[in-house]
PDB file of all heavy atoms in Angstrom:
ATOM      1  N   THR A   1       0.838  -1.183  -0.002  1.00  0.00           N
ATOM      2  CA  THR A   1       0.007  -0.004   0.007  1.00  0.00           C
ATOM      3  C   THR A   1       0.889   1.232  -0.014  1.00  0.00           C
ATOM      4  O   THR A   1       1.766   1.367   0.849  1.00  0.00           O
ATOM      5  CB  THR A   1      -0.909   0.007   1.232  1.00  0.00           C
ATOM      6  OG1 THR A   1      -1.704  -1.164   1.247  1.00  0.00           O
ATOM      7  CG2 THR A   1      -1.805   1.235   1.233  1.00  0.00           C
ATOM      8  N   LEU A   2       0.653   2.107  -0.962  1.00  0.00           N
ATOM      9  CA  LEU A   2       1.321   3.403  -1.029  1.00  0.00           C
ATOM     10  C   LEU A   2       0.406   4.440  -0.430  1.00  0.00           C
ATOM     11  O   LEU A   2      -0.740   4.564  -0.832  1.00  0.00           O
ATOM     12  CB  LEU A   2       1.638   3.726  -2.499  1.00  0.00           C
ATOM     13  CG  LEU A   2       2.221   5.118  -2.799  1.00  0.00           C
ATOM     14  CD1 LEU A   2       3.563   5.302  -2.083  1.00  0.00           C
ATOM     15  CD2 LEU A   2       2.370   5.310  -4.273  1.00  0.00           C
ATOM     16  N   CYS A   3       0.899   5.158   0.552  1.00  0.00           N
ATOM     17  CA  CYS A   3       0.048   6.208   1.204  1.00  0.00           C
ATOM     18  C   CYS A   3       0.862   7.402   1.588  1.00  0.00           C
ATOM     19  O   CYS A   3       2.099   7.339   1.689  1.00  0.00           O
ATOM     20  CB  CYS A   3      -0.670   5.595   2.423  1.00  0.00           C
ATOM     21  SG  CYS A   3       0.431   4.837   3.606  1.00  0.00           S
ATOM     22  N   GLY A   4       0.201   8.530   1.800  1.00  0.00           N
ATOM     23  CA  GLY A   4       0.833   9.719   2.337  1.00  0.00           C
ATOM     24  C   GLY A   4       1.309  10.716   1.298  1.00  0.00           C
ATOM     25  O   GLY A   4       1.975  11.679   1.678  1.00  0.00           O
ATOM     26  N   ILE A   5       1.019  10.527   0.036  1.00  0.00           N
ATOM     27  CA  ILE A   5       1.437  11.500  -0.985  1.00  0.00           C
ATOM     28  C   ILE A   5       0.434  12.640  -0.970  1.00  0.00           C
ATOM     29  O   ILE A   5      -0.761  12.443  -1.062  1.00  0.00           O
ATOM     30  CB  ILE A   5       1.539  10.872  -2.382  1.00  0.00           C
ATOM     31  CG1 ILE A   5       2.678   9.817  -2.353  1.00  0.00           C
ATOM     32  CG2 ILE A   5       1.799  11.893  -3.459  1.00  0.00           C
ATOM     33  CD1 ILE A   5       2.843   9.060  -3.649  1.00  0.00           C
ATOM     34  N   ILE A   6       0.961  13.859  -0.913  1.00  0.00           N
ATOM     35  CA  ILE A   6       0.132  15.059  -0.823  1.00  0.00           C
ATOM     36  C   ILE A   6       0.128  15.746  -2.208  1.00  0.00           C
ATOM     37  O   ILE A   6       1.172  15.985  -2.808  1.00  0.00           O
ATOM     38  CB  ILE A   6       0.653  16.053   0.224  1.00  0.00           C
ATOM     39  CG1 ILE A   6       0.800  15.386   1.592  1.00  0.00           C
ATOM     40  CG2 ILE A   6      -0.228  17.282   0.305  1.00  0.00           C
ATOM     41  CD1 ILE A   6      -0.486  14.914   2.222  1.00  0.00           C
ATOM     42  N   THR A   7      -1.067  16.057  -2.679  1.00  0.00           N
ATOM     43  CA  THR A   7      -1.191  16.814  -3.909  1.00  0.00           C
ATOM     44  C   THR A   7      -1.845  18.165  -3.575  1.00  0.00           C
ATOM     45  O   THR A   7      -2.292  18.379  -2.444  1.00  0.00           O
ATOM     46  CB  THR A   7      -2.076  16.073  -4.961  1.00  0.00           C
ATOM     47  OG1 THR A   7      -3.359  15.850  -4.382  1.00  0.00           O
ATOM     48  CG2 THR A   7      -1.458  14.758  -5.355  1.00  0.00           C
ATOM     49  N   GLN A   8      -1.910  19.017  -4.539  1.00  0.00           N
ATOM     50  CA  GLN A   8      -2.538  20.318  -4.301  1.00  0.00           C
ATOM     51  C   GLN A   8      -3.661  20.521  -5.298  1.00  0.00           C
ATOM     52  O   GLN A   8      -3.471  20.370  -6.508  1.00  0.00           O
ATOM     53  CB  GLN A   8      -1.489  21.426  -4.449  1.00  0.00           C
ATOM     54  CG  GLN A   8      -1.965  22.735  -3.875  1.00  0.00           C
ATOM     55  CD  GLN A   8      -0.798  23.652  -3.596  1.00  0.00           C
ATOM     56  OE1 GLN A   8       0.331  23.449  -4.072  1.00  0.00           O
ATOM     57  NE2 GLN A   8      -1.023  24.683  -2.829  1.00  0.00           N
ATOM     58  N   ALA A   9      -4.825  20.818  -4.776  1.00  0.00           N
ATOM     59  CA  ALA A   9      -5.987  21.064  -5.613  1.00  0.00           C
ATOM     60  C   ALA A   9      -5.868  22.420  -6.305  1.00  0.00           C
ATOM     61  O   ALA A   9      -5.040  23.262  -5.916  1.00  0.00           O
ATOM     62  CB  ALA A   9      -7.275  21.026  -4.786  1.00  0.00           C
ATOM     63  N   SER A  10      -6.662  22.630  -7.315  1.00  0.00           N
ATOM     64  CA  SER A  10      -6.606  23.902  -8.055  1.00  0.00           C
ATOM     65  C   SER A  10      -6.938  25.095  -7.168  1.00  0.00           C
ATOM     66  O   SER A  10      -6.498  26.195  -7.449  1.00  0.00           O
ATOM     67  CB  SER A  10      -7.569  23.859  -9.260  1.00  0.00           C
ATOM     68  OG  SER A  10      -8.897  23.617  -8.818  1.00  0.00           O
ATOM     69  N   ASP A  11      -7.677  24.879  -6.060  1.00  0.00           N
ATOM     70  CA  ASP A  11      -7.995  25.978  -5.161  1.00  0.00           C
ATOM     71  C   ASP A  11      -6.912  26.216  -4.125  1.00  0.00           C
ATOM     72  O   ASP A  11      -7.020  27.051  -3.252  1.00  0.00           O
ATOM     73  CB  ASP A  11      -9.344  25.790  -4.456  1.00  0.00           C
ATOM     74  CG  ASP A  11      -9.362  24.556  -3.568  1.00  0.00           C
ATOM     75  OD1 ASP A  11      -8.309  23.859  -3.440  1.00  0.00           O
ATOM     76  OD2 ASP A  11     -10.426  24.276  -2.993  1.00  0.00           O
ATOM     77  N   GLY A  12      -5.793  25.438  -4.224  1.00  0.00           N
ATOM     78  CA  GLY A  12      -4.665  25.636  -3.338  1.00  0.00           C
ATOM     79  C   GLY A  12      -4.664  24.750  -2.092  1.00  0.00           C
ATOM     80  O   GLY A  12      -3.687  24.740  -1.358  1.00  0.00           O
ATOM     81  N   ASN A  13      -5.744  24.050  -1.847  1.00  0.00           N
ATOM     82  CA  ASN A  13      -5.799  23.165  -0.678  1.00  0.00           C
ATOM     83  C   ASN A  13      -4.922  21.947  -0.903  1.00  0.00           C
ATOM     84  O   ASN A  13      -4.813  21.423  -2.008  1.00  0.00           O
ATOM     85  CB  ASN A  13      -7.241  22.691  -0.416  1.00  0.00           C
ATOM     86  CG  ASN A  13      -8.098  23.802   0.107  1.00  0.00           C
ATOM     87  OD1 ASN A  13      -7.619  24.695   0.816  1.00  0.00           O
ATOM     88  ND2 ASN A  13      -9.379  23.769  -0.218  1.00  0.00           N
ATOM     89  N   ARG A  14      -4.287  21.490   0.198  1.00  0.00           N
ATOM     90  CA  ARG A  14      -3.461  20.306   0.129  1.00  0.00           C
ATOM     91  C   ARG A  14      -4.358  19.098   0.380  1.00  0.00           C
ATOM     92  O   ARG A  14      -5.152  19.081   1.320  1.00  0.00           O
ATOM     93  CB  ARG A  14      -2.358  20.373   1.177  1.00  0.00           C
ATOM     94  CG  ARG A  14      -1.358  21.496   0.861  1.00  0.00           C
ATOM     95  CD  ARG A  14      -0.442  21.802   2.037  1.00  0.00           C
ATOM     96  NE  ARG A  14       0.174  20.633   2.640  1.00  0.00           N
ATOM     97  CZ  ARG A  14       1.312  20.071   2.233  1.00  0.00           C
ATOM     98  NH1 ARG A  14       1.942  20.578   1.182  1.00  0.00           N
ATOM     99  NH2 ARG A  14       1.820  19.021   2.860  1.00  0.00           N
ATOM    100  N   ILE A  15      -4.241  18.096  -0.459  1.00  0.00           N
ATOM    101  CA  ILE A  15      -5.079  16.892  -0.391  1.00  0.00           C
ATOM    102  C   ILE A  15      -4.175  15.656  -0.367  1.00  0.00           C
ATOM    103  O   ILE A  15      -3.293  15.526  -1.200  1.00  0.00           O
ATOM    104  CB  ILE A  15      -6.019  16.796  -1.596  1.00  0.00           C
ATOM    105  CG1 ILE A  15      -6.908  18.050  -1.684  1.00  0.00           C
ATOM    106  CG2 ILE A  15      -6.848  15.536  -1.548  1.00  0.00           C
ATOM    107  CD1 ILE A  15      -7.663  18.161  -2.975  1.00  0.00           C
ATOM    108  N   GLU A  16      -4.433  14.775   0.594  1.00  0.00           N
ATOM    109  CA  GLU A  16      -3.673  13.534   0.611  1.00  0.00           C
ATOM    110  C   GLU A  16      -4.364  12.554  -0.333  1.00  0.00           C
ATOM    111  O   GLU A  16      -5.571  12.355  -0.261  1.00  0.00           O
ATOM    112  CB  GLU A  16      -3.626  12.946   2.016  1.00  0.00           C
ATOM    113  CG  GLU A  16      -2.810  11.676   2.077  1.00  0.00           C
ATOM    114  CD  GLU A  16      -2.619  11.115   3.474  1.00  0.00           C
ATOM    115  OE1 GLU A  16      -2.865  11.839   4.443  1.00  0.00           O
ATOM    116  OE2 GLU A  16      -2.210   9.963   3.585  1.00  0.00           O
ATOM    117  N   GLN A  17      -3.585  11.984  -1.227  1.00  0.00           N
ATOM    118  CA  GLN A  17      -4.137  10.974  -2.128  1.00  0.00           C
ATOM    119  C   GLN A  17      -4.589   9.790  -1.310  1.00  0.00           C
ATOM    120  O   GLN A  17      -3.985   9.436  -0.291  1.00  0.00           O
ATOM    121  CB  GLN A  17      -3.089  10.517  -3.153  1.00  0.00           C
ATOM    122  CG  GLN A  17      -2.740  11.536  -4.163  1.00  0.00           C
ATOM    123  CD  GLN A  17      -1.714  11.041  -5.175  1.00  0.00           C
ATOM    124  OE1 GLN A  17      -1.180   9.945  -5.056  1.00  0.00           O
ATOM    125  NE2 GLN A  17      -1.427  11.847  -6.170  1.00  0.00           N
ATOM    126  N   ALA A  18      -5.628   9.123  -1.782  1.00  0.00           N
ATOM    127  CA  ALA A  18      -6.112   7.938  -1.074  1.00  0.00           C
ATOM    128  C   ALA A  18      -5.056   6.858  -1.135  1.00  0.00           C
ATOM    129  O   ALA A  18      -4.338   6.720  -2.142  1.00  0.00           O
ATOM    130  CB  ALA A  18      -7.394   7.420  -1.742  1.00  0.00           C
ATOM    131  N   PRO A  19      -4.896   6.068  -0.056  1.00  0.00           N
ATOM    132  CA  PRO A  19      -3.966   4.946  -0.131  1.00  0.00           C
ATOM    133  C   PRO A  19      -4.309   4.046  -1.314  1.00  0.00           C
ATOM    134  O   PRO A  19      -5.466   3.871  -1.667  1.00  0.00           O
ATOM    135  CB  PRO A  19      -4.216   4.209   1.192  1.00  0.00           C
ATOM    136  CG  PRO A  19      -4.746   5.263   2.092  1.00  0.00           C
ATOM    137  CD  PRO A  19      -5.599   6.138   1.204  1.00  0.00           C
ATOM    138  N   CYS A  20      -3.295   3.527  -1.916  1.00  0.00           N
ATOM    139  CA  CYS A  20      -3.471   2.727  -3.140  1.00  0.00           C
ATOM    140  C   CYS A  20      -2.728   1.396  -3.023  1.00  0.00           C
ATOM    141  O   CYS A  20      -1.542   1.378  -2.689  1.00  0.00           O
ATOM    142  CB  CYS A  20      -2.933   3.531  -4.325  1.00  0.00           C
ATOM    143  SG  CYS A  20      -3.209   2.770  -5.893  1.00  0.00           S
ATOM    144  N   ASN A  21      -3.434   0.318  -3.264  1.00  0.00           N
ATOM    145  CA  ASN A  21      -2.813  -1.024  -3.229  1.00  0.00           C
ATOM    146  C   ASN A  21      -2.289  -1.358  -4.614  1.00  0.00           C
ATOM    147  O   ASN A  21      -2.981  -1.140  -5.600  1.00  0.00           O
ATOM    148  CB  ASN A  21      -3.824  -2.070  -2.786  1.00  0.00           C
ATOM    149  CG  ASN A  21      -4.276  -1.882  -1.375  1.00  0.00           C
ATOM    150  OD1 ASN A  21      -3.513  -1.465  -0.536  1.00  0.00           O
ATOM    151  ND2 ASN A  21      -5.525  -2.186  -1.082  1.00  0.00           N
ATOM    152  N   MET A  22      -1.067  -1.890  -4.641  1.00  0.00           N
ATOM    153  CA  MET A  22      -0.433  -2.263  -5.896  1.00  0.00           C
ATOM    154  C   MET A  22       0.749  -3.152  -5.556  1.00  0.00           C
ATOM    155  O   MET A  22       1.140  -3.262  -4.400  1.00  0.00           O
ATOM    156  CB  MET A  22       0.018  -1.028  -6.672  1.00  0.00           C
ATOM    157  CG  MET A  22       1.053  -0.181  -5.955  1.00  0.00           C
ATOM    158  SD  MET A  22       1.505   1.353  -6.827  1.00  0.00           S
ATOM    159  CE  MET A  22       0.069   2.347  -6.493  1.00  0.00           C
ATOM    160  N   PRO A  23       1.362  -3.785  -6.551  1.00  0.00           N
ATOM    161  CA  PRO A  23       2.554  -4.579  -6.295  1.00  0.00           C
ATOM    162  C   PRO A  23       3.654  -3.717  -5.674  1.00  0.00           C
ATOM    163  O   PRO A  23       3.786  -2.531  -5.991  1.00  0.00           O
ATOM    164  CB  PRO A  23       2.971  -5.092  -7.672  1.00  0.00           C
ATOM    165  CG  PRO A  23       1.704  -5.112  -8.438  1.00  0.00           C
ATOM    166  CD  PRO A  23       0.922  -3.899  -7.960  1.00  0.00           C
ATOM    167  N   LEU A  24       4.440  -4.297  -4.810  1.00  0.00           N
ATOM    168  CA  LEU A  24       5.502  -3.578  -4.083  1.00  0.00           C
ATOM    169  C   LEU A  24       6.438  -2.824  -5.024  1.00  0.00           C
ATOM    170  O   LEU A  24       6.713  -1.645  -4.795  1.00  0.00           O
ATOM    171  CB  LEU A  24       6.311  -4.573  -3.247  1.00  0.00           C
ATOM    172  CG  LEU A  24       7.532  -4.044  -2.505  1.00  0.00           C
ATOM    173  CD1 LEU A  24       7.159  -2.946  -1.521  1.00  0.00           C
ATOM    174  CD2 LEU A  24       8.274  -5.180  -1.829  1.00  0.00           C
ATOM    175  N   GLY A  25       6.901  -3.454  -6.071  1.00  0.00           N
ATOM    176  CA  GLY A  25       7.821  -2.784  -6.992  1.00  0.00           C
ATOM    177  C   GLY A  25       7.180  -1.567  -7.655  1.00  0.00           C
ATOM    178  O   GLY A  25       7.813  -0.516  -7.793  1.00  0.00           O
ATOM    179  N   ASP A  26       5.921  -1.674  -8.027  1.00  0.00           N
ATOM    180  CA  ASP A  26       5.217  -0.551  -8.647  1.00  0.00           C
ATOM    181  C   ASP A  26       5.027   0.578  -7.623  1.00  0.00           C
ATOM    182  O   ASP A  26       5.104   1.763  -7.971  1.00  0.00           O
ATOM    183  CB  ASP A  26       3.869  -0.998  -9.183  1.00  0.00           C
ATOM    184  CG  ASP A  26       3.992  -1.935 -10.378  1.00  0.00           C
ATOM    185  OD1 ASP A  26       5.111  -2.031 -10.925  1.00  0.00           O
ATOM    186  OD2 ASP A  26       2.995  -2.567 -10.751  1.00  0.00           O
ATOM    187  N   ALA A  27       4.751   0.213  -6.369  1.00  0.00           N
ATOM    188  CA  ALA A  27       4.573   1.238  -5.321  1.00  0.00           C
ATOM    189  C   ALA A  27       5.864   2.031  -5.109  1.00  0.00           C
ATOM    190  O   ALA A  27       5.830   3.258  -4.959  1.00  0.00           O
ATOM    191  CB  ALA A  27       4.126   0.576  -4.024  1.00  0.00           C
ATOM    192  N   ILE A  28       6.997   1.354  -5.122  1.00  0.00           N
ATOM    193  CA  ILE A  28       8.274   2.038  -4.964  1.00  0.00           C
ATOM    194  C   ILE A  28       8.513   2.973  -6.152  1.00  0.00           C
ATOM    195  O   ILE A  28       8.926   4.147  -5.967  1.00  0.00           O
ATOM    196  CB  ILE A  28       9.415   1.020  -4.818  1.00  0.00           C
ATOM    197  CG1 ILE A  28       9.258   0.260  -3.492  1.00  0.00           C
ATOM    198  CG2 ILE A  28      10.793   1.695  -4.897  1.00  0.00           C
ATOM    199  CD1 ILE A  28      10.137  -0.974  -3.358  1.00  0.00           C
ATOM    200  N   LEU A  29       8.269   2.498  -7.346  1.00  0.00           N
ATOM    201  CA  LEU A  29       8.439   3.323  -8.543  1.00  0.00           C
ATOM    202  C   LEU A  29       7.486   4.517  -8.549  1.00  0.00           C
ATOM    203  O   LEU A  29       7.838   5.623  -8.971  1.00  0.00           O
ATOM    204  CB  LEU A  29       8.265   2.490  -9.802  1.00  0.00           C
ATOM    205  CG  LEU A  29       9.345   1.458 -10.073  1.00  0.00           C
ATOM    206  CD1 LEU A  29       8.973   0.589 -11.278  1.00  0.00           C
ATOM    207  CD2 LEU A  29      10.707   2.139 -10.290  1.00  0.00           C
ATOM    208  N   GLN A  30       6.245   4.303  -8.099  1.00  0.00           N
ATOM    209  CA  GLN A  30       5.234   5.366  -8.019  1.00  0.00           C
ATOM    210  C   GLN A  30       5.673   6.437  -7.035  1.00  0.00           C
ATOM    211  O   GLN A  30       5.503   7.630  -7.301  1.00  0.00           O
ATOM    212  CB  GLN A  30       3.869   4.793  -7.638  1.00  0.00           C
ATOM    213  CG  GLN A  30       2.765   5.763  -7.657  1.00  0.00           C
ATOM    214  CD  GLN A  30       2.409   6.233  -9.066  1.00  0.00           C
ATOM    215  OE1 GLN A  30       2.605   5.500 -10.020  1.00  0.00           O
ATOM    216  NE2 GLN A  30       1.906   7.440  -9.191  1.00  0.00           N
ATOM    217  N   MET A  31       6.230   6.048  -5.910  1.00  0.00           N
ATOM    218  CA  MET A  31       6.748   6.994  -4.921  1.00  0.00           C
ATOM    219  C   MET A  31       7.851   7.835  -5.556  1.00  0.00           C
ATOM    220  O   MET A  31       7.878   9.051  -5.425  1.00  0.00           O
ATOM    221  CB  MET A  31       7.296   6.240  -3.705  1.00  0.00           C
ATOM    222  CG  MET A  31       8.087   7.114  -2.740  1.00  0.00           C
ATOM    223  SD  MET A  31       7.087   7.956  -1.551  1.00  0.00           S
ATOM    224  CE  MET A  31       6.854   6.634  -0.407  1.00  0.00           C
ATOM    225  N   ALA A  32       8.792   7.183  -6.236  1.00  0.00           N
ATOM    226  CA  ALA A  32       9.871   7.919  -6.875  1.00  0.00           C
ATOM    227  C   ALA A  32       9.361   8.887  -7.929  1.00  0.00           C
ATOM    228  O   ALA A  32       9.826  10.007  -8.022  1.00  0.00           O
ATOM    229  CB  ALA A  32      10.881   6.932  -7.482  1.00  0.00           C
ATOM    230  N   ALA A  33       8.360   8.447  -8.718  1.00  0.00           N
ATOM    231  CA  ALA A  33       7.782   9.302  -9.748  1.00  0.00           C
ATOM    232  C   ALA A  33       7.080  10.508  -9.116  1.00  0.00           C
ATOM    233  O   ALA A  33       7.222  11.628  -9.613  1.00  0.00           O
ATOM    234  CB  ALA A  33       6.823   8.502 -10.622  1.00  0.00           C
ATOM    235  N   ALA A  34       6.352  10.297  -8.047  1.00  0.00           N
ATOM    236  CA  ALA A  34       5.646  11.396  -7.381  1.00  0.00           C
ATOM    237  C   ALA A  34       6.664  12.395  -6.821  1.00  0.00           C
ATOM    238  O   ALA A  34       6.461  13.631  -6.946  1.00  0.00           O
ATOM    239  CB  ALA A  34       4.774  10.868  -6.244  1.00  0.00           C
ATOM    240  N   HIS A  35       7.752  11.899  -6.312  1.00  0.00           N
ATOM    241  CA  HIS A  35       8.811  12.794  -5.779  1.00  0.00           C
ATOM    242  C   HIS A  35       9.402  13.597  -6.931  1.00  0.00           C
ATOM    243  O   HIS A  35       9.616  14.829  -6.791  1.00  0.00           O
ATOM    244  CB  HIS A  35       9.880  11.957  -5.095  1.00  0.00           C
ATOM    245  CG  HIS A  35      11.013  12.768  -4.560  1.00  0.00           C
ATOM    246  ND1 HIS A  35      10.899  13.548  -3.425  1.00  0.00           N
ATOM    247  CD2 HIS A  35      12.280  12.910  -5.007  1.00  0.00           C
ATOM    248  CE1 HIS A  35      12.040  14.138  -3.208  1.00  0.00           C
ATOM    249  NE2 HIS A  35      12.909  13.766  -4.143  1.00  0.00           N
ATOM    250  N   GLU A  36       9.682  12.954  -8.066  1.00  0.00           N
ATOM    251  CA  GLU A  36      10.276  13.663  -9.208  1.00  0.00           C
ATOM    252  C   GLU A  36       9.320  14.704  -9.788  1.00  0.00           C
ATOM    253  O   GLU A  36       9.735  15.708 -10.331  1.00  0.00           O
ATOM    254  CB  GLU A  36      10.669  12.677 -10.296  1.00  0.00           C
ATOM    255  CG  GLU A  36      11.922  11.909  -9.939  1.00  0.00           C
ATOM    256  CD  GLU A  36      12.333  10.949 -11.050  1.00  0.00           C
ATOM    257  OE1 GLU A  36      11.852  11.077 -12.173  1.00  0.00           O
ATOM    258  OE2 GLU A  36      13.147  10.054 -10.741  1.00  0.00           O
ATOM    259  N   GLN A  37       8.004  14.450  -9.658  1.00  0.00           N
ATOM    260  CA  GLN A  37       6.987  15.391 -10.168  1.00  0.00           C
ATOM    261  C   GLN A  37       6.797  16.574  -9.218  1.00  0.00           C
ATOM    262  O   GLN A  37       6.011  17.466  -9.506  1.00  0.00           O
ATOM    263  CB  GLN A  37       5.654  14.673 -10.350  1.00  0.00           C
ATOM    264  CG  GLN A  37       5.667  13.631 -11.450  1.00  0.00           C
ATOM    265  CD  GLN A  37       4.404  12.799 -11.431  1.00  0.00           C
ATOM    266  OE1 GLN A  37       3.450  13.051 -10.698  1.00  0.00           O
ATOM    267  NE2 GLN A  37       4.400  11.779 -12.251  1.00  0.00           N
ATOM    268  N   GLY A  38       7.465  16.552  -8.104  1.00  0.00           N
ATOM    269  CA  GLY A  38       7.393  17.669  -7.151  1.00  0.00           C
ATOM    270  C   GLY A  38       6.253  17.556  -6.157  1.00  0.00           C
ATOM    271  O   GLY A  38       5.967  18.511  -5.445  1.00  0.00           O
ATOM    272  N   LEU A  39       5.595  16.391  -6.086  1.00  0.00           N
ATOM    273  CA  LEU A  39       4.547  16.208  -5.115  1.00  0.00           C
ATOM    274  C   LEU A  39       5.184  16.072  -3.730  1.00  0.00           C
ATOM    275  O   LEU A  39       6.322  15.656  -3.614  1.00  0.00           O
ATOM    276  CB  LEU A  39       3.697  14.991  -5.415  1.00  0.00           C
ATOM    277  CG  LEU A  39       2.952  15.021  -6.770  1.00  0.00           C
ATOM    278  CD1 LEU A  39       2.198  13.724  -6.985  1.00  0.00           C
ATOM    279  CD2 LEU A  39       1.998  16.223  -6.844  1.00  0.00           C
TER     280      LEU A  39
END
C-alpha cells in the first residue's frame, strides 16, 4: 500500500491521495515518480 502523498488542488488546498494497493515494485516506482513530479 502506497500512502501519504500530498497533492494540491486547483483551489490551493493540500489533499492527501487515497492509499493505493499495488505490487511492491510498482509502489516504490510510483513513490519515486511522485517525488520527481514535485509532489
